[in-house]
N, C-alpha and C. Protein backbone atom coordinates (compact mmCIF):
# COMPACT_ATOMS: atom_id res chain seq x y z
N MET A 1 18.88 1.00 42.69
CA MET A 1 17.81 0.40 41.93
C MET A 1 18.26 0.24 40.48
N VAL A 2 17.99 -0.88 39.90
CA VAL A 2 18.39 -1.17 38.52
C VAL A 2 17.20 -0.90 37.61
N THR A 3 17.46 -0.11 36.58
CA THR A 3 16.40 0.14 35.60
C THR A 3 16.76 -0.56 34.29
N LEU A 4 15.76 -1.05 33.62
CA LEU A 4 15.98 -1.73 32.35
C LEU A 4 15.96 -0.76 31.18
N PHE A 5 15.45 0.43 31.41
CA PHE A 5 15.32 1.40 30.33
C PHE A 5 16.10 2.64 30.66
N ASP A 6 17.00 3.02 29.78
CA ASP A 6 17.80 4.22 29.96
C ASP A 6 17.20 5.31 29.08
N SER A 7 16.59 6.32 29.69
CA SER A 7 15.90 7.36 28.93
C SER A 7 16.84 8.19 28.05
N SER A 8 18.14 8.13 28.30
CA SER A 8 19.07 8.89 27.46
C SER A 8 19.16 8.29 26.05
N LYS A 9 18.71 7.05 25.89
CA LYS A 9 18.75 6.40 24.58
C LYS A 9 17.45 6.63 23.78
N LEU A 10 16.48 7.31 24.36
CA LEU A 10 15.20 7.53 23.71
C LEU A 10 15.33 8.26 22.37
N PRO A 11 16.14 9.33 22.25
CA PRO A 11 16.27 9.99 20.95
C PRO A 11 16.84 9.06 19.86
N VAL A 12 17.77 8.22 20.23
CA VAL A 12 18.35 7.28 19.26
C VAL A 12 17.31 6.26 18.83
N LEU A 13 16.55 5.74 19.78
CA LEU A 13 15.50 4.77 19.47
C LEU A 13 14.43 5.39 18.57
N ALA A 14 14.07 6.64 18.83
CA ALA A 14 13.08 7.33 18.01
C ALA A 14 13.60 7.53 16.58
N GLN A 15 14.87 7.84 16.46
CA GLN A 15 15.46 8.05 15.14
C GLN A 15 15.51 6.73 14.35
N VAL A 16 15.86 5.65 15.01
CA VAL A 16 15.89 4.34 14.35
C VAL A 16 14.47 3.94 13.93
N ALA A 17 13.50 4.14 14.80
CA ALA A 17 12.11 3.81 14.48
C ALA A 17 11.63 4.63 13.29
N GLY A 18 11.99 5.91 13.25
CA GLY A 18 11.61 6.77 12.13
C GLY A 18 12.24 6.31 10.82
N ALA A 19 13.49 5.89 10.87
CA ALA A 19 14.17 5.41 9.67
C ALA A 19 13.53 4.12 9.15
N ILE A 20 13.18 3.23 10.06
CA ILE A 20 12.53 1.98 9.66
C ILE A 20 11.16 2.27 9.05
N ALA A 21 10.39 3.15 9.67
CA ALA A 21 9.07 3.51 9.13
C ALA A 21 9.21 4.16 7.76
N GLY A 22 10.21 4.99 7.58
CA GLY A 22 10.44 5.63 6.29
C GLY A 22 10.78 4.62 5.20
N LEU A 23 11.62 3.67 5.51
CA LEU A 23 11.99 2.65 4.53
C LEU A 23 10.79 1.77 4.18
N LEU A 24 9.99 1.43 5.17
CA LEU A 24 8.80 0.62 4.90
C LEU A 24 7.80 1.38 4.03
N SER A 25 7.63 2.67 4.30
CA SER A 25 6.68 3.44 3.48
C SER A 25 7.19 3.59 2.05
N LEU A 26 8.49 3.70 1.86
CA LEU A 26 9.03 3.76 0.50
C LEU A 26 8.77 2.47 -0.26
N ALA A 27 8.78 1.36 0.45
CA ALA A 27 8.53 0.07 -0.20
C ALA A 27 7.07 -0.06 -0.64
N LEU A 28 6.18 0.72 -0.07
CA LEU A 28 4.76 0.62 -0.40
C LEU A 28 4.28 1.65 -1.41
N ILE A 29 5.13 2.59 -1.80
CA ILE A 29 4.74 3.60 -2.78
C ILE A 29 4.60 2.91 -4.13
N PRO A 30 3.44 3.06 -4.79
CA PRO A 30 3.24 2.40 -6.08
C PRO A 30 4.13 3.00 -7.16
N PRO A 31 4.48 2.20 -8.18
CA PRO A 31 5.29 2.73 -9.27
C PRO A 31 4.49 3.74 -10.10
N ALA A 32 5.17 4.57 -10.85
CA ALA A 32 4.49 5.56 -11.69
C ALA A 32 3.57 4.87 -12.69
N HIS A 33 4.01 3.76 -13.24
CA HIS A 33 3.17 2.97 -14.14
C HIS A 33 3.56 1.51 -13.96
N GLY A 34 2.58 0.66 -13.90
CA GLY A 34 2.88 -0.77 -13.77
C GLY A 34 1.89 -1.46 -12.86
N THR A 35 2.35 -2.54 -12.27
CA THR A 35 1.50 -3.37 -11.42
C THR A 35 1.28 -2.70 -10.07
N ILE A 36 0.02 -2.50 -9.72
CA ILE A 36 -0.35 -1.78 -8.50
C ILE A 36 -1.41 -2.59 -7.76
N LEU A 37 -1.24 -2.70 -6.46
CA LEU A 37 -2.20 -3.37 -5.60
C LEU A 37 -3.18 -2.32 -5.06
N ILE A 38 -4.47 -2.56 -5.25
CA ILE A 38 -5.48 -1.65 -4.71
C ILE A 38 -6.16 -2.37 -3.55
N VAL A 39 -6.13 -1.74 -2.38
CA VAL A 39 -6.71 -2.32 -1.17
C VAL A 39 -7.84 -1.43 -0.69
N SER A 40 -8.99 -2.04 -0.43
CA SER A 40 -10.13 -1.29 0.09
C SER A 40 -10.07 -1.27 1.61
N ILE A 41 -10.08 -0.07 2.18
CA ILE A 41 -10.10 0.02 3.64
C ILE A 41 -11.54 0.20 4.15
N THR A 42 -12.49 0.25 3.19
CA THR A 42 -13.90 0.40 3.57
C THR A 42 -14.69 -0.89 3.35
N GLY A 43 -14.00 -1.95 2.91
CA GLY A 43 -14.67 -3.23 2.73
C GLY A 43 -15.43 -3.37 1.43
N ASP A 44 -15.04 -2.59 0.41
CA ASP A 44 -15.71 -2.69 -0.89
C ASP A 44 -15.57 -4.11 -1.45
N ARG A 45 -16.60 -4.54 -2.19
CA ARG A 45 -16.56 -5.83 -2.86
C ARG A 45 -15.61 -5.75 -4.04
N MET A 46 -15.17 -6.92 -4.52
CA MET A 46 -14.23 -6.99 -5.64
C MET A 46 -14.77 -6.27 -6.87
N ALA A 47 -16.05 -6.43 -7.16
CA ALA A 47 -16.64 -5.78 -8.34
C ALA A 47 -16.58 -4.25 -8.23
N GLU A 48 -16.78 -3.72 -7.02
CA GLU A 48 -16.71 -2.26 -6.83
C GLU A 48 -15.28 -1.76 -7.02
N ILE A 49 -14.32 -2.52 -6.53
CA ILE A 49 -12.91 -2.13 -6.71
C ILE A 49 -12.56 -2.17 -8.19
N ALA A 50 -12.99 -3.23 -8.88
CA ALA A 50 -12.71 -3.36 -10.32
C ALA A 50 -13.34 -2.23 -11.11
N ASP A 51 -14.58 -1.89 -10.83
CA ASP A 51 -15.25 -0.80 -11.54
C ASP A 51 -14.50 0.52 -11.36
N ALA A 52 -14.09 0.79 -10.14
CA ALA A 52 -13.37 2.04 -9.86
C ALA A 52 -12.02 2.06 -10.58
N ALA A 53 -11.32 0.93 -10.58
CA ALA A 53 -10.02 0.86 -11.25
C ALA A 53 -10.18 1.00 -12.77
N LEU A 54 -11.16 0.33 -13.32
CA LEU A 54 -11.39 0.41 -14.77
C LEU A 54 -11.75 1.83 -15.20
N ALA A 55 -12.44 2.56 -14.33
CA ALA A 55 -12.82 3.94 -14.65
C ALA A 55 -11.60 4.85 -14.78
N THR A 56 -10.46 4.46 -14.20
CA THR A 56 -9.23 5.25 -14.31
C THR A 56 -8.40 4.84 -15.52
N GLY A 57 -8.85 3.82 -16.23
CA GLY A 57 -8.10 3.34 -17.39
C GLY A 57 -7.17 2.19 -17.07
N ALA A 58 -7.20 1.69 -15.84
CA ALA A 58 -6.34 0.58 -15.46
C ALA A 58 -6.86 -0.73 -16.06
N ARG A 59 -5.97 -1.70 -16.17
CA ARG A 59 -6.32 -3.04 -16.66
C ARG A 59 -6.26 -4.00 -15.48
N ILE A 60 -7.27 -4.82 -15.31
CA ILE A 60 -7.31 -5.79 -14.22
C ILE A 60 -6.30 -6.90 -14.50
N ALA A 61 -5.44 -7.19 -13.53
CA ALA A 61 -4.45 -8.26 -13.70
C ALA A 61 -4.94 -9.54 -13.02
N ARG A 62 -5.31 -9.45 -11.74
CA ARG A 62 -5.78 -10.63 -10.99
C ARG A 62 -6.25 -10.19 -9.61
N ARG A 63 -6.80 -11.15 -8.86
CA ARG A 63 -7.22 -10.89 -7.49
C ARG A 63 -6.00 -10.55 -6.63
N GLY A 64 -6.24 -9.76 -5.61
CA GLY A 64 -5.17 -9.43 -4.69
C GLY A 64 -5.02 -10.50 -3.62
N PRO A 65 -4.09 -10.33 -2.72
CA PRO A 65 -3.85 -11.33 -1.69
C PRO A 65 -4.93 -11.38 -0.61
N GLY A 66 -5.77 -10.38 -0.52
CA GLY A 66 -6.83 -10.36 0.49
C GLY A 66 -8.21 -10.31 -0.15
N ASP A 67 -9.23 -10.42 0.67
CA ASP A 67 -10.61 -10.40 0.17
C ASP A 67 -10.99 -9.07 -0.47
N HIS A 68 -10.41 -8.01 0.00
CA HIS A 68 -10.78 -6.67 -0.47
C HIS A 68 -9.62 -6.00 -1.19
N SER A 69 -8.98 -6.75 -2.10
CA SER A 69 -7.86 -6.19 -2.84
C SER A 69 -7.85 -6.73 -4.27
N LEU A 70 -7.21 -5.97 -5.13
CA LEU A 70 -7.17 -6.29 -6.55
C LEU A 70 -5.83 -5.79 -7.11
N ILE A 71 -5.26 -6.56 -8.02
CA ILE A 71 -4.01 -6.16 -8.66
C ILE A 71 -4.35 -5.67 -10.07
N VAL A 72 -3.88 -4.48 -10.38
CA VAL A 72 -4.15 -3.88 -11.68
C VAL A 72 -2.85 -3.39 -12.31
N VAL A 73 -2.91 -3.10 -13.59
CA VAL A 73 -1.80 -2.45 -14.28
C VAL A 73 -2.34 -1.09 -14.70
N GLY A 74 -1.68 -0.05 -14.21
CA GLY A 74 -2.18 1.29 -14.51
C GLY A 74 -1.19 2.37 -14.12
N ASP A 75 -1.68 3.60 -14.13
CA ASP A 75 -0.86 4.78 -13.80
C ASP A 75 -1.18 5.25 -12.39
N ARG A 76 -0.12 5.43 -11.60
CA ARG A 76 -0.28 5.88 -10.22
C ARG A 76 -1.02 7.21 -10.15
N ASP A 77 -0.70 8.14 -11.04
CA ASP A 77 -1.32 9.47 -10.97
C ASP A 77 -2.83 9.41 -11.17
N ARG A 78 -3.31 8.43 -11.91
CA ARG A 78 -4.76 8.28 -12.11
C ARG A 78 -5.39 7.47 -10.98
N LEU A 79 -4.67 6.47 -10.49
CA LEU A 79 -5.21 5.60 -9.45
C LEU A 79 -5.18 6.23 -8.06
N ILE A 80 -4.29 7.18 -7.85
CA ILE A 80 -4.13 7.77 -6.51
C ILE A 80 -5.41 8.46 -6.05
N HIS A 81 -6.24 8.92 -6.99
CA HIS A 81 -7.48 9.60 -6.62
C HIS A 81 -8.52 8.64 -6.03
N LEU A 82 -8.30 7.33 -6.19
CA LEU A 82 -9.21 6.35 -5.60
C LEU A 82 -9.14 6.38 -4.07
N SER A 83 -8.07 6.94 -3.54
CA SER A 83 -7.92 6.99 -2.08
C SER A 83 -9.04 7.81 -1.43
N ARG A 84 -9.64 8.72 -2.19
CA ARG A 84 -10.78 9.48 -1.65
C ARG A 84 -11.98 8.57 -1.39
N ARG A 85 -12.04 7.44 -2.09
CA ARG A 85 -13.13 6.46 -1.93
C ARG A 85 -12.78 5.35 -0.95
N GLY A 86 -11.59 5.42 -0.35
CA GLY A 86 -11.17 4.36 0.56
C GLY A 86 -10.47 3.21 -0.14
N LEU A 87 -10.04 3.45 -1.38
CA LEU A 87 -9.28 2.46 -2.14
C LEU A 87 -7.85 2.95 -2.22
N ILE A 88 -6.94 2.23 -1.58
CA ILE A 88 -5.56 2.68 -1.46
C ILE A 88 -4.67 1.96 -2.46
N PRO A 89 -4.05 2.69 -3.41
CA PRO A 89 -3.10 2.06 -4.33
C PRO A 89 -1.73 1.91 -3.66
N LEU A 90 -1.18 0.70 -3.73
CA LEU A 90 0.11 0.40 -3.13
C LEU A 90 0.99 -0.33 -4.13
N ALA A 91 2.28 -0.38 -3.84
CA ALA A 91 3.17 -1.21 -4.64
C ALA A 91 2.71 -2.66 -4.50
N ALA A 92 2.89 -3.43 -5.55
CA ALA A 92 2.47 -4.84 -5.54
C ALA A 92 3.71 -5.73 -5.55
N PRO A 93 4.37 -5.88 -4.39
CA PRO A 93 5.58 -6.70 -4.36
C PRO A 93 5.28 -8.16 -4.65
N ALA A 94 6.16 -8.80 -5.39
CA ALA A 94 5.96 -10.20 -5.79
C ALA A 94 5.80 -11.11 -4.59
N ILE A 95 6.45 -10.80 -3.48
CA ILE A 95 6.36 -11.66 -2.29
C ILE A 95 4.93 -11.71 -1.73
N LEU A 96 4.18 -10.62 -1.91
CA LEU A 96 2.78 -10.59 -1.43
C LEU A 96 1.78 -10.93 -2.52
N CYS A 97 2.09 -10.52 -3.73
CA CYS A 97 1.09 -10.58 -4.80
C CYS A 97 1.40 -11.62 -5.87
N GLY A 98 2.48 -12.35 -5.74
CA GLY A 98 2.83 -13.33 -6.75
C GLY A 98 3.52 -12.68 -7.93
N ALA A 99 3.92 -13.51 -8.87
CA ALA A 99 4.68 -13.00 -10.03
C ALA A 99 3.75 -12.38 -11.04
């Protein structure tokens, strides 16, 4: 019988998948200070996201790429606490967020 999956390769596949996931997560870590994308996972309106970001001392830069996102300039250490409210600060790569 011919099998298409060789279970002896499972540890290697898991290691490769872990490395890819690790690299992707590193790409999403926001900078210590600078342009940061804030994404609402709870469906907050733009005004609610802006109010929360402004309360941390961040400056609004522009709308984010999605309906529930906003691009700000601020400090990661202050913005990271927004995650308790369902607002996730992420890196704002130019390919997704524009220049």
